[in-house]
Structure formats: C-alpha cells, structure tokens
N, C-alpha and C. Protein backbone atom coordinates (compact mmCIF):
# COMPACT_ATOMS: atom_id res chain seq x y z
N MET A 1 -1.89 14.60 24.27
CA MET A 1 -2.77 14.07 23.25
C MET A 1 -1.94 13.67 22.03
N LYS A 2 -2.18 12.49 21.56
CA LYS A 2 -1.42 11.95 20.44
C LYS A 2 -1.94 12.53 19.12
N LYS A 3 -1.00 12.91 18.25
CA LYS A 3 -1.36 13.44 16.94
C LYS A 3 -1.91 12.33 16.05
N THR A 4 -2.95 12.63 15.32
CA THR A 4 -3.45 11.68 14.33
C THR A 4 -3.15 12.23 12.93
N TYR A 5 -2.98 11.32 12.02
CA TYR A 5 -2.65 11.66 10.65
C TYR A 5 -3.83 11.38 9.74
N ALA A 6 -3.97 12.19 8.71
CA ALA A 6 -4.95 11.89 7.67
C ALA A 6 -4.37 10.76 6.82
N VAL A 7 -5.22 9.92 6.31
CA VAL A 7 -4.79 8.84 5.41
C VAL A 7 -5.51 9.04 4.09
N ARG A 8 -4.74 9.15 3.03
CA ARG A 8 -5.29 9.38 1.69
C ARG A 8 -4.84 8.26 0.75
N TRP A 9 -5.80 7.71 0.03
CA TRP A 9 -5.53 6.68 -0.97
C TRP A 9 -5.32 7.37 -2.31
N SER A 10 -4.25 7.01 -3.01
CA SER A 10 -4.05 7.50 -4.37
C SER A 10 -5.01 6.77 -5.31
N GLU A 11 -5.20 7.31 -6.46
CA GLU A 11 -6.04 6.64 -7.47
C GLU A 11 -5.45 5.28 -7.82
N THR A 12 -4.13 5.22 -7.91
CA THR A 12 -3.45 3.96 -8.23
C THR A 12 -3.72 2.91 -7.16
N SER A 13 -3.59 3.30 -5.89
CA SER A 13 -3.80 2.32 -4.82
C SER A 13 -5.26 1.88 -4.76
N GLU A 14 -6.19 2.79 -5.02
CA GLU A 14 -7.60 2.41 -5.06
C GLU A 14 -7.85 1.40 -6.19
N ASN A 15 -7.23 1.67 -7.35
CA ASN A 15 -7.38 0.74 -8.48
C ASN A 15 -6.73 -0.61 -8.18
N ASP A 16 -5.59 -0.59 -7.50
CA ASP A 16 -4.94 -1.84 -7.10
C ASP A 16 -5.88 -2.66 -6.23
N LEU A 17 -6.44 -2.01 -5.20
CA LEU A 17 -7.32 -2.71 -4.27
C LEU A 17 -8.57 -3.22 -4.97
N LYS A 18 -9.14 -2.40 -5.82
CA LYS A 18 -10.32 -2.81 -6.58
C LYS A 18 -10.02 -4.05 -7.43
N GLY A 19 -8.87 -4.05 -8.11
CA GLY A 19 -8.48 -5.20 -8.93
C GLY A 19 -8.30 -6.47 -8.12
N ILE A 20 -7.69 -6.33 -6.95
CA ILE A 20 -7.50 -7.49 -6.07
C ILE A 20 -8.85 -8.06 -5.64
N VAL A 21 -9.72 -7.19 -5.19
CA VAL A 21 -11.03 -7.63 -4.69
C VAL A 21 -11.86 -8.25 -5.81
N GLU A 22 -11.86 -7.63 -6.98
CA GLU A 22 -12.63 -8.17 -8.10
C GLU A 22 -12.10 -9.54 -8.52
N TYR A 23 -10.78 -9.68 -8.54
CA TYR A 23 -10.18 -10.96 -8.92
C TYR A 23 -10.58 -12.06 -7.94
N ILE A 24 -10.46 -11.79 -6.66
CA ILE A 24 -10.80 -12.80 -5.65
C ILE A 24 -12.30 -13.09 -5.65
N ALA A 25 -13.10 -12.06 -5.86
CA ALA A 25 -14.56 -12.23 -5.85
C ALA A 25 -15.04 -13.17 -6.94
N GLY A 26 -14.25 -13.29 -8.02
CA GLY A 26 -14.61 -14.23 -9.08
C GLY A 26 -14.72 -15.65 -8.58
N ASP A 27 -13.93 -16.00 -7.56
CA ASP A 27 -13.96 -17.33 -6.97
C ASP A 27 -14.71 -17.37 -5.64
N SER A 28 -14.54 -16.30 -4.85
CA SER A 28 -15.10 -16.31 -3.50
C SER A 28 -15.43 -14.90 -3.02
N PRO A 29 -16.68 -14.48 -3.19
CA PRO A 29 -17.07 -13.15 -2.71
C PRO A 29 -16.80 -12.95 -1.21
N ASN A 30 -16.99 -13.99 -0.42
CA ASN A 30 -16.74 -13.86 1.02
C ASN A 30 -15.26 -13.62 1.31
N ARG A 31 -14.40 -14.33 0.61
CA ARG A 31 -12.96 -14.14 0.79
C ARG A 31 -12.55 -12.74 0.32
N ALA A 32 -13.15 -12.28 -0.77
CA ALA A 32 -12.84 -10.94 -1.28
C ALA A 32 -13.19 -9.88 -0.23
N TYR A 33 -14.33 -10.03 0.41
CA TYR A 33 -14.74 -9.09 1.45
C TYR A 33 -13.77 -9.15 2.63
N GLU A 34 -13.34 -10.34 2.99
CA GLU A 34 -12.39 -10.51 4.09
C GLU A 34 -11.06 -9.83 3.79
N VAL A 35 -10.56 -10.01 2.57
CA VAL A 35 -9.31 -9.37 2.17
C VAL A 35 -9.46 -7.85 2.19
N LEU A 36 -10.55 -7.35 1.64
CA LEU A 36 -10.81 -5.91 1.63
C LEU A 36 -10.83 -5.37 3.06
N SER A 37 -11.53 -6.04 3.94
CA SER A 37 -11.62 -5.61 5.34
C SER A 37 -10.26 -5.61 6.02
N ASN A 38 -9.47 -6.66 5.78
CA ASN A 38 -8.14 -6.75 6.39
C ASN A 38 -7.21 -5.64 5.92
N ILE A 39 -7.22 -5.37 4.62
CA ILE A 39 -6.36 -4.31 4.08
C ILE A 39 -6.81 -2.95 4.60
N ARG A 40 -8.11 -2.69 4.57
CA ARG A 40 -8.62 -1.40 5.06
C ARG A 40 -8.30 -1.21 6.54
N ALA A 41 -8.43 -2.27 7.35
CA ALA A 41 -8.14 -2.17 8.79
C ALA A 41 -6.66 -1.87 9.02
N LYS A 42 -5.79 -2.51 8.26
CA LYS A 42 -4.35 -2.28 8.41
C LYS A 42 -4.02 -0.84 8.06
N VAL A 43 -4.59 -0.36 6.96
CA VAL A 43 -4.33 1.02 6.54
C VAL A 43 -4.92 2.01 7.54
N SER A 44 -6.07 1.70 8.09
CA SER A 44 -6.71 2.57 9.07
C SER A 44 -5.83 2.81 10.29
N SER A 45 -5.02 1.82 10.64
CA SER A 45 -4.12 1.96 11.80
C SER A 45 -3.07 3.04 11.59
N LEU A 46 -2.88 3.47 10.35
CA LEU A 46 -1.89 4.50 10.06
C LEU A 46 -2.31 5.87 10.60
N HIS A 47 -3.60 6.05 10.90
CA HIS A 47 -4.06 7.30 11.49
C HIS A 47 -3.28 7.60 12.78
N SER A 48 -3.09 6.57 13.58
CA SER A 48 -2.43 6.73 14.88
C SER A 48 -0.96 6.34 14.86
N PHE A 49 -0.59 5.43 13.97
CA PHE A 49 0.78 4.92 13.92
C PHE A 49 1.32 5.01 12.49
N PRO A 50 1.57 6.21 12.00
CA PRO A 50 1.95 6.37 10.59
C PRO A 50 3.28 5.73 10.22
N GLY A 51 4.18 5.56 11.18
CA GLY A 51 5.49 5.02 10.88
C GLY A 51 5.59 3.52 10.99
N ARG A 52 4.45 2.87 11.18
CA ARG A 52 4.53 1.41 11.30
C ARG A 52 4.93 0.79 9.97
N GLY A 53 5.34 -0.42 10.04
CA GLY A 53 5.83 -1.09 8.84
C GLY A 53 7.33 -0.85 8.69
N ARG A 54 7.84 -1.24 7.56
CA ARG A 54 9.28 -1.11 7.31
C ARG A 54 9.51 -0.28 6.06
N VAL A 55 10.74 0.19 5.93
CA VAL A 55 11.13 0.86 4.69
C VAL A 55 11.11 -0.20 3.60
N VAL A 56 10.63 0.16 2.42
CA VAL A 56 10.54 -0.79 1.30
C VAL A 56 11.96 -1.23 0.93
N PRO A 57 12.28 -2.52 1.13
CA PRO A 57 13.67 -2.98 0.94
C PRO A 57 14.22 -2.74 -0.46
N GLU A 58 13.40 -2.94 -1.48
CA GLU A 58 13.87 -2.77 -2.86
C GLU A 58 14.27 -1.31 -3.12
N LEU A 59 13.59 -0.38 -2.47
CA LEU A 59 13.92 1.03 -2.63
C LEU A 59 15.07 1.44 -1.70
N GLN A 60 15.09 0.86 -0.51
CA GLN A 60 16.15 1.16 0.44
C GLN A 60 17.51 0.78 -0.15
N ASP A 61 17.55 -0.32 -0.90
CA ASP A 61 18.78 -0.74 -1.55
C ASP A 61 19.30 0.32 -2.52
N GLN A 62 18.40 1.17 -2.99
CA GLN A 62 18.76 2.25 -3.92
C GLN A 62 18.93 3.58 -3.20
N GLY A 63 18.87 3.56 -1.86
CA GLY A 63 19.04 4.77 -1.06
C GLY A 63 17.77 5.58 -0.89
N ILE A 64 16.63 5.01 -1.26
CA ILE A 64 15.34 5.70 -1.13
C ILE A 64 14.65 5.19 0.12
N THR A 65 14.48 6.06 1.10
CA THR A 65 13.98 5.60 2.40
C THR A 65 12.67 6.24 2.84
N GLN A 66 12.05 7.07 2.01
CA GLN A 66 10.83 7.75 2.45
C GLN A 66 9.56 6.92 2.25
N TYR A 67 9.69 5.75 1.66
CA TYR A 67 8.52 4.89 1.44
C TYR A 67 8.54 3.73 2.44
N ARG A 68 7.37 3.47 3.00
CA ARG A 68 7.23 2.38 3.98
C ARG A 68 6.20 1.40 3.43
N GLU A 69 6.19 0.22 4.02
CA GLU A 69 5.20 -0.77 3.59
C GLU A 69 4.63 -1.51 4.78
N LEU A 70 3.37 -1.87 4.62
CA LEU A 70 2.69 -2.76 5.54
C LEU A 70 2.39 -4.03 4.78
N SER A 71 2.23 -5.10 5.51
CA SER A 71 1.95 -6.38 4.86
C SER A 71 0.63 -6.95 5.34
N VAL A 72 -0.19 -7.35 4.39
CA VAL A 72 -1.36 -8.20 4.61
C VAL A 72 -1.16 -9.31 3.59
N ALA A 73 -0.44 -10.33 4.01
CA ALA A 73 0.04 -11.38 3.10
C ALA A 73 -1.06 -11.89 2.19
N PRO A 74 -0.76 -11.98 0.90
CA PRO A 74 0.51 -11.75 0.22
C PRO A 74 0.66 -10.33 -0.34
N TRP A 75 -0.12 -9.37 0.13
CA TRP A 75 -0.08 -8.03 -0.43
C TRP A 75 0.80 -7.10 0.39
N ARG A 76 1.42 -6.16 -0.32
CA ARG A 76 2.27 -5.15 0.29
C ARG A 76 1.64 -3.79 0.01
N ILE A 77 1.42 -3.03 1.07
CA ILE A 77 0.80 -1.72 0.98
C ILE A 77 1.92 -0.68 1.10
N ILE A 78 2.15 0.07 0.03
CA ILE A 78 3.25 1.03 -0.03
C ILE A 78 2.70 2.42 0.32
N CYS A 79 3.36 3.10 1.27
CA CYS A 79 2.91 4.40 1.79
C CYS A 79 4.06 5.38 1.87
N ARG A 80 3.68 6.65 1.98
CA ARG A 80 4.64 7.73 2.22
C ARG A 80 3.99 8.71 3.19
N ILE A 81 4.75 9.19 4.15
CA ILE A 81 4.25 10.16 5.12
C ILE A 81 4.77 11.54 4.72
N SER A 82 3.86 12.52 4.70
CA SER A 82 4.27 13.88 4.37
C SER A 82 3.33 14.87 5.04
N GLU A 83 3.88 15.74 5.87
CA GLU A 83 3.14 16.86 6.47
C GLU A 83 1.81 16.45 7.09
N GLY A 84 1.83 15.48 7.98
CA GLY A 84 0.63 15.09 8.70
C GLY A 84 -0.34 14.21 7.93
N THR A 85 0.10 13.73 6.77
CA THR A 85 -0.75 12.86 5.95
C THR A 85 0.03 11.62 5.55
N VAL A 86 -0.65 10.49 5.60
CA VAL A 86 -0.08 9.24 5.09
C VAL A 86 -0.74 8.99 3.73
N TYR A 87 0.06 8.88 2.70
CA TYR A 87 -0.43 8.63 1.36
C TYR A 87 -0.23 7.15 1.04
N VAL A 88 -1.33 6.46 0.77
CA VAL A 88 -1.27 5.06 0.35
C VAL A 88 -1.07 5.10 -1.16
N LEU A 89 0.06 4.59 -1.62
CA LEU A 89 0.45 4.74 -3.02
C LEU A 89 0.17 3.52 -3.88
N SER A 90 0.31 2.33 -3.30
CA SER A 90 0.12 1.10 -4.07
C SER A 90 -0.23 -0.05 -3.15
N VAL A 91 -0.95 -1.01 -3.70
CA VAL A 91 -1.19 -2.29 -3.03
C VAL A 91 -0.75 -3.34 -4.03
N LEU A 92 0.38 -4.00 -3.73
CA LEU A 92 1.02 -4.90 -4.69
C LEU A 92 1.03 -6.33 -4.18
N ASP A 93 0.98 -7.25 -5.11
CA ASP A 93 1.06 -8.67 -4.79
C ASP A 93 2.53 -9.03 -4.64
N SER A 94 2.93 -9.48 -3.46
CA SER A 94 4.34 -9.77 -3.20
C SER A 94 4.85 -10.98 -3.97
N ARG A 95 3.96 -11.73 -4.60
CA ARG A 95 4.39 -12.88 -5.39
C ARG A 95 4.90 -12.45 -6.76
N GLN A 96 4.68 -11.18 -7.10
CA GLN A 96 5.19 -10.63 -8.35
C GLN A 96 6.53 -9.97 -8.08
N ASN A 97 7.21 -9.56 -9.13
CA ASN A 97 8.48 -8.85 -8.97
C ASN A 97 8.16 -7.40 -8.61
N VAL A 98 8.16 -7.12 -7.32
CA VAL A 98 7.76 -5.82 -6.81
C VAL A 98 8.72 -4.73 -7.29
N GLU A 99 9.99 -5.04 -7.38
CA GLU A 99 10.97 -4.05 -7.83
C GLU A 99 10.64 -3.57 -9.24
N ASP A 100 10.30 -4.49 -10.14
CA ASP A 100 9.94 -4.11 -11.51
C ASP A 100 8.64 -3.30 -11.54
N LEU A 101 7.65 -3.71 -10.73
CA LEU A 101 6.39 -2.97 -10.68
C LEU A 101 6.59 -1.54 -10.19
N LEU A 102 7.37 -1.38 -9.14
CA LEU A 102 7.64 -0.03 -8.61
C LEU A 102 8.40 0.81 -9.62
N LEU A 103 9.38 0.22 -10.28
CA LEU A 103 10.16 0.94 -11.28
C LEU A 103 9.26 1.42 -12.41
N LYS A 104 8.39 0.56 -12.92
CA LYS A 104 7.47 0.94 -13.98
C LYS A 104 6.58 2.09 -13.55
N ARG A 105 6.08 2.02 -12.33
CA ARG A 105 5.19 3.08 -11.83
C ARG A 105 5.94 4.38 -11.64
N LEU A 106 7.14 4.33 -11.12
CA LEU A 106 7.91 5.56 -10.93
C LEU A 106 8.28 6.19 -12.28
N LEU A 107 8.63 5.36 -13.25
CA LEU A 107 8.97 5.89 -14.57
C LEU A 107 7.77 6.49 -15.28
N SER A 108 6.59 5.94 -15.03
CA SER A 108 5.38 6.46 -15.69
C SER A 108 4.97 7.81 -15.12
N LEU A 109 5.52 8.21 -13.97
CA LEU A 109 5.19 9.50 -13.37
C LEU A 109 5.98 10.64 -13.99
N LYS A 110 7.04 10.31 -14.71
CA LYS A 110 7.88 11.35 -15.30
C LYS A 110 7.20 11.92 -16.54
N PRO A 111 7.34 13.26 -16.75
CA PRO A 111 6.70 13.90 -17.93
C PRO A 111 7.30 13.47 -19.24
C-alpha cells in the first residue's frame, strides 16, 4: 500500500492564491475558476506523489535543496516535504523576479 501525505497550505500560499484568483476574476470569473481548479488539482496530486516537480533552481544555486516547485504556467507552486506532510509555501507568478520574492519572504521570517 502506497503512503499518502497530508497537504497543508500556509497562510502565505492561501493569500497568494486568493490574490491571483481575485485579480483574474476582475476580467474573467470563468478563467479565475479555471486557474483555481488547475492549481488545486496540481497540489492535490502531492498526496500521492510528494516529490514531483523540481528543486527550486534559484534556491538550488544557493545550495538549498529542500524546496520543490510545481508549475501551472505562469505560476510556480513552492513546497517543502517534512515528516509525512507537504507544505505549500507560496504560489508565485513566474513572470516576476522569483528570486527577489523568495528572498524577501525568507528575510521577513527572521525575528
């Protein structure tokens, strides 16, 4: 029997997704629903296949390999696997400077 993983969305990733959907809904509610469904379906697959996707290249270049990403173009879903749980950390627009966004978020976590 194959192990399944819990999938947990961080507050940040939920806010990212909400912002994306609200922005798109301003022009096309149907497209916003489609994007939401596609992102949720991709993330849902992590229950059975938590290691899918690739190591985040911008972080890998810095020697950080515990973060993975899935793509639902043009968005990048950043995740981390820990103790039977996949944590969805961010949903970022790949058309932006993802390295700067990740750096800002990591720095804001420090006390």
